[in-house]
Amino acid sequence: MGDSLNPTWPRRLASILRPDVTRTVAARRFAAGSLVLLAAVAALRPDPAGTVTEVVVAAADLRPGVTLSATDISMERRSRATLPDGAQTDATELVGQTLAGPARRGEVLTDARVLGSRLAGLSAGPDARVVPLRLTDEAVLDVVRPGDVVDVLGAPEADAAARPRVLATDAIVVSVSAAAATAGRSDRVLLIALPAGAAHTVAGAGLTQSITVTLH
């Protein structure tokens, strides 16, 4: 009886070291509760380092050539470390612009995803221009895709015997129009990027010549 009321130091040490189910369960519950509390605090606290930002993403799968509307895009919070260069942060600046290539739902939209000087520069150099072409053989438009490299050929429409000549080489396809035919006339257009000099030559030839392209 006396030993139990006044245990020796070896017995006290053994008691401390001996597993106690009650203490173990309580400790585990306390640790779990602390982790939940820490997770909640981390989720609610602001982002002091600015590691997350809102960017414009495609709200649905989008086809090339579509004119972007407010329902085609949305804003999402993404980590800055994962964002591509040129990621757009203002949705209003993209409304009304033409998408240069297909985009999947949730894809971050950049300045190179819409038609404009930035896309032309990335495709064909700092002095690049985007040229619209109506091809004599529109079946070609069914096989070319944005990013393809093509050569442009032309022949005078007034001379059926004239041999086609190469107007420009290494043009980059930036968009292929998907407009449906109306009143027996198709409105489909191929947009290509070329250095300024070659772009002017091709644009001028398109006014008087039959135009086609060959794919690399």
N, C-alpha and C. Protein backbone atom coordinates (compact mmCIF):
# COMPACT_ATOMS: atom_id res chain seq x y z
N MET A 1 0.84 -1.20 0.00
CA MET A 1 0.00 0.00 0.00
C MET A 1 0.86 1.24 0.00
N GLY A 2 1.92 1.20 0.90
CA GLY A 2 2.84 2.33 0.99
C GLY A 2 3.60 2.52 -0.30
N ASP A 3 3.97 1.37 -0.97
CA ASP A 3 4.71 1.48 -2.23
C ASP A 3 3.88 2.14 -3.31
N SER A 4 2.55 1.88 -3.34
CA SER A 4 1.72 2.45 -4.39
C SER A 4 1.49 3.94 -4.17
N LEU A 5 1.43 4.37 -2.86
CA LEU A 5 1.22 5.79 -2.57
C LEU A 5 2.51 6.57 -2.69
N ASN A 6 3.61 5.92 -2.49
CA ASN A 6 4.90 6.60 -2.56
C ASN A 6 5.85 5.76 -3.42
N PRO A 7 5.60 5.75 -4.77
CA PRO A 7 6.41 4.86 -5.62
C PRO A 7 7.84 5.34 -5.70
N THR A 8 8.71 4.42 -5.95
CA THR A 8 10.13 4.75 -6.11
C THR A 8 10.33 5.43 -7.47
N TRP A 9 11.50 6.07 -7.66
CA TRP A 9 11.81 6.74 -8.93
C TRP A 9 11.81 5.77 -10.11
N PRO A 10 12.33 4.59 -10.00
CA PRO A 10 12.25 3.65 -11.15
C PRO A 10 10.81 3.36 -11.55
N ARG A 11 9.91 3.20 -10.52
CA ARG A 11 8.52 2.93 -10.87
C ARG A 11 7.86 4.16 -11.52
N ARG A 12 8.19 5.38 -11.03
CA ARG A 12 7.64 6.60 -11.65
C ARG A 12 8.08 6.73 -13.11
N LEU A 13 9.36 6.44 -13.37
CA LEU A 13 9.87 6.52 -14.74
C LEU A 13 9.20 5.49 -15.64
N ALA A 14 9.00 4.30 -15.13
CA ALA A 14 8.34 3.24 -15.91
C ALA A 14 6.90 3.62 -16.22
N SER A 15 6.24 4.29 -15.25
CA SER A 15 4.86 4.70 -15.46
C SER A 15 4.76 5.77 -16.55
N ILE A 16 5.74 6.71 -16.56
CA ILE A 16 5.75 7.77 -17.57
C ILE A 16 5.99 7.21 -18.96
N LEU A 17 6.90 6.25 -19.04
CA LEU A 17 7.27 5.69 -20.33
C LEU A 17 6.25 4.67 -20.84
N ARG A 18 5.45 4.10 -19.94
CA ARG A 18 4.48 3.08 -20.34
C ARG A 18 3.36 3.74 -21.17
N PRO A 19 3.01 3.19 -22.36
CA PRO A 19 1.95 3.77 -23.21
C PRO A 19 0.65 3.86 -22.43
N ASP A 20 -0.03 4.97 -22.64
CA ASP A 20 -1.32 5.19 -22.04
C ASP A 20 -2.32 5.43 -23.17
N VAL A 21 -3.27 4.55 -23.32
CA VAL A 21 -4.20 4.62 -24.44
C VAL A 21 -4.97 5.94 -24.44
N THR A 22 -5.40 6.35 -23.25
CA THR A 22 -6.18 7.58 -23.15
C THR A 22 -5.37 8.78 -23.59
N ARG A 23 -4.11 8.86 -23.09
CA ARG A 23 -3.27 9.99 -23.47
C ARG A 23 -2.96 9.97 -24.96
N THR A 24 -2.74 8.77 -25.53
CA THR A 24 -2.41 8.65 -26.96
C THR A 24 -3.56 9.12 -27.83
N VAL A 25 -4.78 8.70 -27.53
CA VAL A 25 -5.95 9.11 -28.30
C VAL A 25 -6.15 10.62 -28.20
N ALA A 26 -6.00 11.15 -27.01
CA ALA A 26 -6.19 12.59 -26.82
C ALA A 26 -5.16 13.38 -27.62
N ALA A 27 -3.91 12.90 -27.61
CA ALA A 27 -2.85 13.59 -28.34
C ALA A 27 -3.12 13.58 -29.84
N ARG A 28 -3.59 12.44 -30.33
CA ARG A 28 -3.89 12.34 -31.77
C ARG A 28 -5.03 13.27 -32.17
N ARG A 29 -6.05 13.33 -31.30
CA ARG A 29 -7.17 14.23 -31.59
C ARG A 29 -6.72 15.68 -31.58
N PHE A 30 -5.87 16.03 -30.64
CA PHE A 30 -5.37 17.39 -30.56
C PHE A 30 -4.55 17.75 -31.81
N ALA A 31 -3.71 16.80 -32.25
CA ALA A 31 -2.89 17.05 -33.44
C ALA A 31 -3.75 17.20 -34.68
N ALA A 32 -4.77 16.34 -34.80
CA ALA A 32 -5.67 16.43 -35.97
C ALA A 32 -6.42 17.75 -35.99
N GLY A 33 -6.92 18.16 -34.81
CA GLY A 33 -7.64 19.42 -34.73
C GLY A 33 -6.74 20.60 -35.07
N SER A 34 -5.48 20.55 -34.65
CA SER A 34 -4.54 21.63 -34.96
C SER A 34 -4.29 21.73 -36.45
N LEU A 35 -4.15 20.58 -37.13
CA LEU A 35 -3.91 20.58 -38.58
C LEU A 35 -5.09 21.17 -39.32
N VAL A 36 -6.31 20.80 -38.90
CA VAL A 36 -7.51 21.36 -39.54
C VAL A 36 -7.56 22.87 -39.37
N LEU A 37 -7.25 23.33 -38.16
CA LEU A 37 -7.26 24.77 -37.89
C LEU A 37 -6.22 25.50 -38.72
N LEU A 38 -5.03 24.93 -38.83
CA LEU A 38 -3.97 25.55 -39.64
C LEU A 38 -4.36 25.61 -41.10
N ALA A 39 -5.01 24.56 -41.62
CA ALA A 39 -5.44 24.54 -43.03
C ALA A 39 -6.49 25.62 -43.29
N ALA A 40 -7.40 25.79 -42.33
CA ALA A 40 -8.43 26.82 -42.49
C ALA A 40 -7.83 28.21 -42.50
N VAL A 41 -6.87 28.45 -41.62
CA VAL A 41 -6.20 29.75 -41.56
C VAL A 41 -5.45 30.02 -42.86
N ALA A 42 -4.76 28.99 -43.37
CA ALA A 42 -4.00 29.16 -44.61
C ALA A 42 -4.91 29.46 -45.80
N ALA A 43 -6.10 28.86 -45.81
CA ALA A 43 -7.02 29.06 -46.93
C ALA A 43 -7.65 30.45 -46.88
N LEU A 44 -7.85 30.99 -45.69
CA LEU A 44 -8.54 32.26 -45.55
C LEU A 44 -7.62 33.47 -45.56
N ARG A 45 -6.35 33.27 -45.25
CA ARG A 45 -5.46 34.42 -45.16
C ARG A 45 -5.15 34.98 -46.55
N PRO A 46 -4.86 36.26 -46.67
CA PRO A 46 -4.55 36.86 -47.96
C PRO A 46 -3.25 36.31 -48.52
N ASP A 47 -2.95 36.70 -49.78
CA ASP A 47 -1.76 36.21 -50.45
C ASP A 47 -0.69 37.30 -50.41
N PRO A 48 0.08 37.40 -49.29
CA PRO A 48 0.99 38.52 -49.11
C PRO A 48 2.10 38.56 -50.15
N ALA A 49 2.51 37.42 -50.64
CA ALA A 49 3.63 37.38 -51.58
C ALA A 49 3.18 37.60 -53.02
N GLY A 50 1.87 37.70 -53.28
CA GLY A 50 1.38 37.89 -54.63
C GLY A 50 1.67 36.71 -55.52
N THR A 51 1.59 35.51 -54.99
CA THR A 51 1.92 34.32 -55.77
C THR A 51 0.75 33.82 -56.60
N VAL A 52 -0.44 34.38 -56.39
CA VAL A 52 -1.63 33.97 -57.13
C VAL A 52 -2.25 35.20 -57.78
N THR A 53 -2.71 35.05 -59.01
CA THR A 53 -3.34 36.17 -59.70
C THR A 53 -4.50 35.67 -60.54
N GLU A 54 -5.42 36.58 -60.90
CA GLU A 54 -6.55 36.23 -61.75
C GLU A 54 -6.17 36.42 -63.21
N VAL A 55 -6.45 35.42 -64.04
CA VAL A 55 -6.14 35.48 -65.46
C VAL A 55 -7.36 35.05 -66.26
N VAL A 56 -7.34 35.39 -67.55
CA VAL A 56 -8.44 35.05 -68.45
C VAL A 56 -8.22 33.64 -68.99
N VAL A 57 -9.27 32.81 -68.92
CA VAL A 57 -9.20 31.45 -69.46
C VAL A 57 -10.41 31.22 -70.37
N ALA A 58 -10.27 30.21 -71.22
CA ALA A 58 -11.39 29.84 -72.09
C ALA A 58 -12.48 29.18 -71.25
N ALA A 59 -13.71 29.65 -71.41
CA ALA A 59 -14.82 29.10 -70.63
C ALA A 59 -15.36 27.80 -71.22
N ALA A 60 -14.98 27.52 -72.46
CA ALA A 60 -15.41 26.29 -73.15
C ALA A 60 -14.40 26.01 -74.25
N ASP A 61 -14.51 24.85 -74.89
CA ASP A 61 -13.66 24.58 -76.05
C ASP A 61 -14.02 25.57 -77.15
N LEU A 62 -13.01 26.25 -77.70
CA LEU A 62 -13.24 27.29 -78.70
C LEU A 62 -12.53 26.95 -80.00
N ARG A 63 -13.18 27.22 -81.13
CA ARG A 63 -12.58 26.95 -82.43
C ARG A 63 -11.82 28.17 -82.92
N PRO A 64 -10.83 27.99 -83.78
CA PRO A 64 -10.10 29.14 -84.31
C PRO A 64 -10.99 30.02 -85.17
N GLY A 65 -10.71 31.31 -85.15
CA GLY A 65 -11.48 32.25 -85.96
C GLY A 65 -12.71 32.80 -85.28
N VAL A 66 -13.03 32.31 -84.08
CA VAL A 66 -14.23 32.79 -83.40
C VAL A 66 -13.96 34.20 -82.83
N THR A 67 -14.96 35.05 -82.88
CA THR A 67 -14.87 36.36 -82.24
C THR A 67 -15.27 36.20 -80.78
N LEU A 68 -14.35 36.47 -79.89
CA LEU A 68 -14.57 36.20 -78.47
C LEU A 68 -15.66 37.10 -77.89
N SER A 69 -16.58 36.48 -77.16
CA SER A 69 -17.61 37.21 -76.44
C SER A 69 -17.40 37.01 -74.94
N ALA A 70 -18.18 37.72 -74.15
CA ALA A 70 -18.04 37.62 -72.69
C ALA A 70 -18.36 36.22 -72.19
N THR A 71 -19.17 35.46 -72.92
CA THR A 71 -19.52 34.10 -72.48
C THR A 71 -18.45 33.08 -72.88
N ASP A 72 -17.52 33.46 -73.73
CA ASP A 72 -16.47 32.54 -74.17
C ASP A 72 -15.30 32.49 -73.19
N ILE A 73 -15.20 33.47 -72.31
CA ILE A 73 -14.05 33.57 -71.42
C ILE A 73 -14.51 33.76 -69.98
N SER A 74 -13.62 33.47 -69.05
CA SER A 74 -13.91 33.67 -67.63
C SER A 74 -12.59 33.95 -66.92
N MET A 75 -12.70 34.34 -65.66
CA MET A 75 -11.52 34.64 -64.85
C MET A 75 -11.29 33.52 -63.84
N GLU A 76 -10.04 33.12 -63.68
CA GLU A 76 -9.69 32.11 -62.69
C GLU A 76 -8.40 32.52 -61.99
N ARG A 77 -8.27 32.10 -60.73
CA ARG A 77 -7.05 32.36 -59.97
C ARG A 77 -6.05 31.26 -60.24
N ARG A 78 -4.85 31.66 -60.64
CA ARG A 78 -3.80 30.70 -60.95
C ARG A 78 -2.48 31.15 -60.29
N SER A 79 -1.63 30.18 -60.01
CA SER A 79 -0.31 30.48 -59.46
C SER A 79 0.54 31.21 -60.50
N ARG A 80 1.20 32.28 -60.08
CA ARG A 80 2.04 33.04 -61.00
C ARG A 80 3.15 32.17 -61.59
N ALA A 81 3.63 31.22 -60.81
CA ALA A 81 4.74 30.39 -61.27
C ALA A 81 4.36 29.50 -62.44
N THR A 82 3.07 29.25 -62.62
CA THR A 82 2.63 28.35 -63.70
C THR A 82 2.12 29.10 -64.92
N LEU A 83 2.08 30.43 -64.88
CA LEU A 83 1.48 31.20 -65.96
C LEU A 83 2.47 31.38 -67.12
N PRO A 84 1.99 31.26 -68.36
CA PRO A 84 2.85 31.53 -69.52
C PRO A 84 3.06 33.03 -69.69
N ASP A 85 4.10 33.42 -70.40
CA ASP A 85 4.30 34.83 -70.70
C ASP A 85 3.12 35.36 -71.51
N GLY A 86 2.74 36.58 -71.25
CA GLY A 86 1.65 37.19 -72.01
C GLY A 86 0.26 36.80 -71.55
N ALA A 87 0.15 36.11 -70.41
CA ALA A 87 -1.17 35.74 -69.90
C ALA A 87 -2.01 37.00 -69.68
N GLN A 88 -3.25 36.97 -70.16
CA GLN A 88 -4.11 38.14 -70.09
C GLN A 88 -4.85 38.22 -68.75
N THR A 89 -4.90 39.42 -68.19
CA THR A 89 -5.54 39.61 -66.89
C THR A 89 -6.78 40.49 -66.96
N ASP A 90 -7.10 41.01 -68.14
CA ASP A 90 -8.27 41.88 -68.31
C ASP A 90 -9.18 41.27 -69.37
N ALA A 91 -10.31 40.73 -68.94
CA ALA A 91 -11.22 40.06 -69.87
C ALA A 91 -11.82 41.03 -70.89
N THR A 92 -12.03 42.28 -70.50
CA THR A 92 -12.66 43.23 -71.41
C THR A 92 -11.79 43.51 -72.64
N GLU A 93 -10.47 43.36 -72.50
CA GLU A 93 -9.59 43.61 -73.64
C GLU A 93 -9.66 42.51 -74.68
N LEU A 94 -10.14 41.33 -74.30
CA LEU A 94 -10.22 40.23 -75.25
C LEU A 94 -11.57 40.13 -75.95
N VAL A 95 -12.60 40.71 -75.34
CA VAL A 95 -13.93 40.65 -75.97
C VAL A 95 -13.90 41.37 -77.31
N GLY A 96 -14.36 40.69 -78.36
CA GLY A 96 -14.37 41.27 -79.70
C GLY A 96 -13.16 40.92 -80.53
N GLN A 97 -12.13 40.31 -79.91
CA GLN A 97 -10.95 39.92 -80.67
C GLN A 97 -11.14 38.52 -81.27
N THR A 98 -10.33 38.22 -82.28
CA THR A 98 -10.46 36.96 -83.01
C THR A 98 -9.43 35.95 -82.50
N LEU A 99 -9.91 34.77 -82.15
CA LEU A 99 -9.03 33.72 -81.66
C LEU A 99 -8.24 33.13 -82.83
N ALA A 100 -6.91 33.05 -82.68
CA ALA A 100 -6.05 32.62 -83.78
C ALA A 100 -5.99 31.10 -83.91
N GLY A 101 -6.21 30.39 -82.85
CA GLY A 101 -6.13 28.93 -82.89
C GLY A 101 -7.11 28.31 -81.92
N PRO A 102 -7.29 26.99 -81.97
CA PRO A 102 -8.23 26.36 -81.04
C PRO A 102 -7.76 26.48 -79.59
N ALA A 103 -8.71 26.57 -78.69
CA ALA A 103 -8.40 26.66 -77.26
C ALA A 103 -9.29 25.69 -76.50
N ARG A 104 -8.72 24.99 -75.53
CA ARG A 104 -9.49 24.06 -74.72
C ARG A 104 -10.03 24.76 -73.48
N ARG A 105 -11.14 24.25 -72.97
CA ARG A 105 -11.75 24.82 -71.77
C ARG A 105 -10.73 24.87 -70.63
N GLY A 106 -10.61 26.03 -69.98
CA GLY A 106 -9.69 26.19 -68.88
C GLY A 106 -8.30 26.64 -69.29
N GLU A 107 -8.05 26.74 -70.60
CA GLU A 107 -6.72 27.15 -71.08
C GLU A 107 -6.52 28.65 -70.83
N VAL A 108 -5.34 29.01 -70.32
CA VAL A 108 -5.02 30.42 -70.11
C VAL A 108 -4.80 31.08 -71.47
N LEU A 109 -5.47 32.21 -71.70
CA LEU A 109 -5.35 32.93 -72.97
C LEU A 109 -4.24 33.97 -72.87
N THR A 110 -3.34 33.95 -73.85
CA THR A 110 -2.23 34.89 -73.88
C THR A 110 -2.39 35.86 -75.04
N ASP A 111 -1.48 36.84 -75.13
CA ASP A 111 -1.53 37.82 -76.22
C ASP A 111 -1.25 37.18 -77.57
N ALA A 112 -0.66 35.97 -77.57
CA ALA A 112 -0.37 35.29 -78.83
C ALA A 112 -1.51 34.40 -79.29
N ARG A 113 -2.61 34.36 -78.54
CA ARG A 113 -3.73 33.49 -78.90
C ARG A 113 -4.79 34.23 -79.71
N VAL A 114 -4.63 35.55 -79.86
CA VAL A 114 -5.58 36.33 -80.65
C VAL A 114 -4.84 37.05 -81.76
N LEU A 115 -5.56 37.36 -82.83
CA LEU A 115 -4.94 38.04 -83.96
C LEU A 115 -4.53 39.45 -83.56
N GLY A 116 -3.32 39.82 -83.98
CA GLY A 116 -2.83 41.15 -83.66
C GLY A 116 -1.34 41.23 -83.94
N SER A 117 -0.76 42.39 -83.64
CA SER A 117 0.64 42.61 -83.93
C SER A 117 1.54 41.68 -83.13
N ARG A 118 1.12 41.37 -81.90
CA ARG A 118 1.93 40.49 -81.06
C ARG A 118 2.04 39.10 -81.68
N LEU A 119 0.92 38.58 -82.16
CA LEU A 119 0.93 37.26 -82.79
C LEU A 119 1.78 37.27 -84.06
N ALA A 120 1.63 38.30 -84.88
CA ALA A 120 2.41 38.38 -86.11
C ALA A 120 3.91 38.45 -85.80
N GLY A 121 4.27 39.24 -84.80
CA GLY A 121 5.67 39.36 -84.43
C GLY A 121 6.27 38.05 -83.95
N LEU A 122 5.52 37.32 -83.14
CA LEU A 122 6.01 36.04 -82.66
C LEU A 122 6.11 35.03 -83.79
N SER A 123 5.27 35.15 -84.81
CA SER A 123 5.25 34.18 -85.90
C SER A 123 6.32 34.45 -86.94
N ALA A 124 6.51 35.72 -87.33
CA ALA A 124 7.36 36.00 -88.49
C ALA A 124 8.32 37.15 -88.28
N GLY A 125 8.61 37.53 -87.05
CA GLY A 125 9.60 38.57 -86.82
C GLY A 125 8.98 39.89 -86.43
N PRO A 126 9.81 40.83 -85.95
CA PRO A 126 9.30 42.10 -85.41
C PRO A 126 8.61 42.99 -86.44
N ASP A 127 8.93 42.84 -87.75
CA ASP A 127 8.28 43.70 -88.76
C ASP A 127 7.17 42.96 -89.49
N ALA A 128 6.67 41.88 -88.90
CA ALA A 128 5.70 41.02 -89.58
C ALA A 128 4.36 41.71 -89.79
N ARG A 129 3.65 41.24 -90.81
CA ARG A 129 2.28 41.68 -91.09
C ARG A 129 1.41 40.45 -91.28
N VAL A 130 0.12 40.59 -90.98
CA VAL A 130 -0.83 39.50 -91.21
C VAL A 130 -1.58 39.79 -92.50
N VAL A 131 -1.60 38.80 -93.41
CA VAL A 131 -2.21 38.98 -94.73
C VAL A 131 -3.40 38.04 -94.88
N PRO A 132 -4.57 38.54 -95.27
CA PRO A 132 -5.72 37.67 -95.55
C PRO A 132 -5.67 37.20 -97.01
N LEU A 133 -5.92 35.91 -97.21
CA LEU A 133 -5.90 35.35 -98.56
C LEU A 133 -7.19 34.59 -98.83
N ARG A 134 -7.72 34.76 -100.04
CA ARG A 134 -8.81 33.91 -100.52
C ARG A 134 -8.19 32.97 -101.54
N LEU A 135 -8.23 31.69 -101.25
CA LEU A 135 -7.57 30.71 -102.11
C LEU A 135 -8.49 30.29 -103.25
N THR A 136 -7.87 30.06 -104.40
CA THR A 136 -8.65 29.58 -105.55
C THR A 136 -9.23 28.21 -105.27
N ASP A 137 -8.44 27.35 -104.66
CA ASP A 137 -8.91 26.01 -104.28
C ASP A 137 -9.17 26.00 -102.78
N GLU A 138 -10.42 26.21 -102.41
CA GLU A 138 -10.74 26.33 -100.99
C GLU A 138 -10.66 25.01 -100.25
N ALA A 139 -10.54 23.91 -100.97
CA ALA A 139 -10.39 22.62 -100.30
C ALA A 139 -9.11 22.59 -99.46
N VAL A 140 -8.14 23.42 -99.86
CA VAL A 140 -6.89 23.49 -99.11
C VAL A 140 -7.14 23.95 -97.68
N LEU A 141 -8.16 24.78 -97.50
CA LEU A 141 -8.44 25.31 -96.16
C LEU A 141 -8.88 24.22 -95.18
N ASP A 142 -9.28 23.09 -95.71
CA ASP A 142 -9.71 22.00 -94.83
C ASP A 142 -8.54 21.21 -94.25
N VAL A 143 -7.34 21.43 -94.79
CA VAL A 143 -6.19 20.65 -94.32
C VAL A 143 -5.12 21.51 -93.63
N VAL A 144 -5.13 22.82 -93.86
CA VAL A 144 -4.13 23.65 -93.19
C VAL A 144 -4.62 23.99 -91.79
N ARG A 145 -3.68 24.19 -90.88
CA ARG A 145 -3.98 24.49 -89.48
C ARG A 145 -3.09 25.64 -89.00
N PRO A 146 -3.54 26.40 -88.00
CA PRO A 146 -2.67 27.44 -87.43
C PRO A 146 -1.34 26.85 -87.01
N GLY A 147 -0.26 27.55 -87.38
CA GLY A 147 1.08 27.08 -87.08
C GLY A 147 1.76 26.40 -88.25
N ASP A 148 0.98 26.00 -89.28
CA ASP A 148 1.58 25.39 -90.47
C ASP A 148 2.45 26.41 -91.20
N VAL A 149 3.47 25.91 -91.89
CA VAL A 149 4.35 26.75 -92.71
C VAL A 149 4.00 26.49 -94.17
N VAL A 150 3.75 27.56 -94.93
CA VAL A 150 3.31 27.41 -96.33
C VAL A 150 4.08 28.36 -97.22
N ASP A 151 4.12 28.01 -98.52
CA ASP A 151 4.60 28.92 -99.55
C ASP A 151 3.38 29.41 -100.33
N VAL A 152 3.42 30.65 -100.77
CA VAL A 152 2.29 31.26 -101.49
C VAL A 152 2.62 31.37 -102.97
N LEU A 153 1.71 30.87 -103.82
CA LEU A 153 1.89 30.93 -105.26
C LEU A 153 0.74 31.71 -105.88
N GLY A 154 1.03 32.42 -106.97
CA GLY A 154 0.00 33.18 -107.66
C GLY A 154 0.16 33.09 -109.16
N ALA A 155 -0.95 33.26 -109.89
CA ALA A 155 -0.96 33.28 -111.35
C ALA A 155 -2.01 34.27 -111.80
N PRO A 156 -1.73 35.06 -112.85
CA PRO A 156 -2.71 36.05 -113.32
C PRO A 156 -4.02 35.40 -113.71
N GLU A 157 -5.11 35.94 -113.24
CA GLU A 157 -6.42 35.38 -113.54
C GLU A 157 -6.78 35.55 -115.02
N ALA A 158 -6.24 36.59 -115.67
CA ALA A 158 -6.60 36.86 -117.06
C ALA A 158 -5.86 35.95 -118.05
N ASP A 159 -4.84 35.28 -117.58
CA ASP A 159 -4.04 34.44 -118.48
C ASP A 159 -4.07 33.00 -117.97
N ALA A 160 -4.95 32.20 -118.55
CA ALA A 160 -5.10 30.82 -118.08
C ALA A 160 -3.86 29.98 -118.35
N ALA A 161 -3.05 30.40 -119.30
CA ALA A 161 -1.85 29.62 -119.64
C ALA A 161 -0.63 30.02 -118.83
N ALA A 162 -0.75 31.07 -118.04
CA ALA A 162 0.39 31.56 -117.26
C ALA A 162 0.78 30.55 -116.18
N ARG A 163 2.08 30.40 -116.03
CA ARG A 163 2.59 29.49 -115.00
C ARG A 163 2.58 30.20 -113.64
N PRO A 164 2.12 29.52 -112.59
CA PRO A 164 2.16 30.13 -111.26
C PRO A 164 3.60 30.43 -110.83
N ARG A 165 3.78 31.48 -110.09
CA ARG A 165 5.11 31.81 -109.56
C ARG A 165 5.02 31.93 -108.05
N VAL A 166 6.14 31.70 -107.41
CA VAL A 166 6.20 31.77 -105.95
C VAL A 166 6.23 33.23 -105.52
N LEU A 167 5.27 33.61 -104.73
CA LEU A 167 5.19 34.99 -104.23
C LEU A 167 5.90 35.17 -102.90
N ALA A 168 5.86 34.14 -102.06
CA ALA A 168 6.50 34.21 -100.75
C ALA A 168 6.71 32.80 -100.22
N THR A 169 7.71 32.64 -99.40
CA THR A 169 8.00 31.34 -98.80
C THR A 169 7.99 31.47 -97.28
N ASP A 170 7.80 30.34 -96.63
CA ASP A 170 7.87 30.25 -95.16
C ASP A 170 6.88 31.17 -94.45
N ALA A 171 5.69 31.28 -95.00
CA ALA A 171 4.63 32.03 -94.32
C ALA A 171 4.06 31.16 -93.20
N ILE A 172 3.68 31.79 -92.11
CA ILE A 172 3.11 31.08 -90.96
C ILE A 172 1.59 31.27 -90.95
N VAL A 173 0.86 30.16 -90.95
CA VAL A 173 -0.60 30.24 -90.87
C VAL A 173 -0.99 30.62 -89.44
N VAL A 174 -1.76 31.69 -89.31
CA VAL A 174 -2.19 32.13 -87.98
C VAL A 174 -3.66 31.86 -87.73
N SER A 175 -4.46 31.72 -88.80
CA SER A 175 -5.87 31.43 -88.61
C SER A 175 -6.48 30.94 -89.92
N VAL A 176 -7.49 30.09 -89.78
CA VAL A 176 -8.24 29.60 -90.93
C VAL A 176 -9.72 29.87 -90.66
N SER A 177 -10.33 30.69 -91.47
CA SER A 177 -11.72 31.04 -91.27
C SER A 177 -12.61 29.82 -91.48
N ALA A 178 -13.66 29.73 -90.68
CA ALA A 178 -14.60 28.61 -90.80
C ALA A 178 -15.99 29.08 -91.17
N ALA A 179 -16.11 30.28 -91.76
CA ALA A 179 -17.42 30.82 -92.13
C ALA A 179 -18.10 29.95 -93.16
N ALA A 180 -19.40 29.80 -93.04
CA ALA A 180 -20.18 29.00 -93.98
C ALA A 180 -20.45 29.79 -95.25
N ALA A 181 -20.65 29.05 -96.33
CA ALA A 181 -20.94 29.70 -97.62
C ALA A 181 -22.32 30.35 -97.58
N THR A 182 -22.43 31.52 -98.21
CA THR A 182 -23.71 32.21 -98.27
C THR A 182 -23.95 32.67 -99.71
N ALA A 183 -25.14 32.45 -100.20
CA ALA A 183 -25.53 32.89 -101.55
C ALA A 183 -24.56 32.39 -102.60
N GLY A 184 -24.09 31.15 -102.44
CA GLY A 184 -23.22 30.55 -103.43
C GLY A 184 -21.79 31.03 -103.39
N ARG A 185 -21.43 31.88 -102.41
CA ARG A 185 -20.07 32.40 -102.33
C ARG A 185 -19.52 32.17 -100.93
N SER A 186 -18.34 31.61 -100.86
CA SER A 186 -17.75 31.33 -99.56
C SER A 186 -16.99 32.55 -99.06
N ASP A 187 -17.03 32.75 -97.75
CA ASP A 187 -16.29 33.86 -97.14
C ASP A 187 -15.05 33.37 -96.40
N ARG A 188 -14.64 32.16 -96.66
CA ARG A 188 -13.49 31.62 -95.93
C ARG A 188 -12.20 32.33 -96.32
N VAL A 189 -11.38 32.61 -95.31
CA VAL A 189 -10.14 33.35 -95.51
C VAL A 189 -9.02 32.66 -94.75
N LEU A 190 -7.84 32.66 -95.36
CA LEU A 190 -6.64 32.15 -94.72
C LEU A 190 -5.80 33.35 -94.29
N LEU A 191 -5.43 33.41 -93.02
CA LEU A 191 -4.57 34.49 -92.53
C LEU A 191 -3.16 33.95 -92.32
N ILE A 192 -2.18 34.64 -92.92
CA ILE A 192 -0.79 34.21 -92.80
C ILE A 192 0.05 35.38 -92.30
N ALA A 193 1.17 35.07 -91.64
CA ALA A 193 2.10 36.10 -91.17
C ALA A 193 3.38 36.02 -92.00
N LEU A 194 3.83 37.19 -92.45
CA LEU A 194 5.04 37.31 -93.26
C LEU A 194 5.80 38.57 -92.88
N PRO A 195 7.10 38.63 -93.15
CA PRO A 195 7.81 39.90 -93.01
C PRO A 195 7.16 40.95 -93.91
N ALA A 196 7.29 42.22 -93.52
CA ALA A 196 6.54 43.29 -94.16
C ALA A 196 6.65 43.30 -95.68
N GLY A 197 7.86 43.19 -96.24
CA GLY A 197 8.04 43.25 -97.68
C GLY A 197 7.28 42.15 -98.41
N ALA A 198 7.44 40.92 -97.96
CA ALA A 198 6.75 39.79 -98.58
C ALA A 198 5.24 39.90 -98.39
N ALA A 199 4.82 40.41 -97.24
CA ALA A 199 3.38 40.54 -96.97
C ALA A 199 2.74 41.51 -97.96
N HIS A 200 3.41 42.61 -98.25
CA HIS A 200 2.87 43.59 -99.19
C HIS A 200 2.77 43.00 -100.60
N THR A 201 3.79 42.23 -100.99
CA THR A 201 3.77 41.59 -102.31
C THR A 201 2.59 40.63 -102.44
N VAL A 202 2.39 39.80 -101.41
CA VAL A 202 1.31 38.82 -101.45
C VAL A 202 -0.05 39.51 -101.41
N ALA A 203 -0.19 40.53 -100.59
CA ALA A 203 -1.47 41.24 -100.49
C ALA A 203 -1.84 41.88 -101.83
N GLY A 204 -0.86 42.48 -102.50
CA GLY A 204 -1.12 43.09 -103.78
C GLY A 204 -1.49 42.06 -104.84
N ALA A 205 -0.80 40.93 -104.85
CA ALA A 205 -1.08 39.88 -105.83
C ALA A 205 -2.47 39.30 -105.62
N GLY A 206 -2.92 39.26 -104.38
CA GLY A 206 -4.24 38.71 -104.10
C GLY A 206 -5.37 39.48 -104.72
N LEU A 207 -5.11 40.74 -105.14
CA LEU A 207 -6.15 41.55 -105.75
C LEU A 207 -6.37 41.20 -107.22
N THR A 208 -5.35 40.65 -107.89
CA THR A 208 -5.45 40.42 -109.33
C THR A 208 -5.10 39.00 -109.76
N GLN A 209 -4.65 38.16 -108.83
CA GLN A 209 -4.19 36.83 -109.20
C GLN A 209 -4.95 35.72 -108.47
N SER A 210 -4.90 34.56 -109.06
CA SER A 210 -5.39 33.37 -108.38
C SER A 210 -4.31 32.92 -107.42
N ILE A 211 -4.71 32.64 -106.19
CA ILE A 211 -3.73 32.35 -105.14
C ILE A 211 -3.95 30.94 -104.59
N THR A 212 -2.83 30.27 -104.34
CA THR A 212 -2.89 28.98 -103.62
C THR A 212 -1.66 28.87 -102.76
N VAL A 213 -1.60 27.85 -101.94
CA VAL A 213 -0.44 27.64 -101.06
C VAL A 213 -0.01 26.19 -101.12
N THR A 214 1.26 25.98 -100.83
CA THR A 214 1.77 24.62 -100.66
C THR A 214 2.27 24.48 -99.24
N LEU A 215 2.07 23.32 -98.67
CA LEU A 215 2.44 23.09 -97.26
C LEU A 215 3.82 22.48 -97.18
N HIS A 216 4.57 22.91 -96.18
CA HIS A 216 5.89 22.31 -95.92
C HIS A 216 5.71 20.95 -95.27
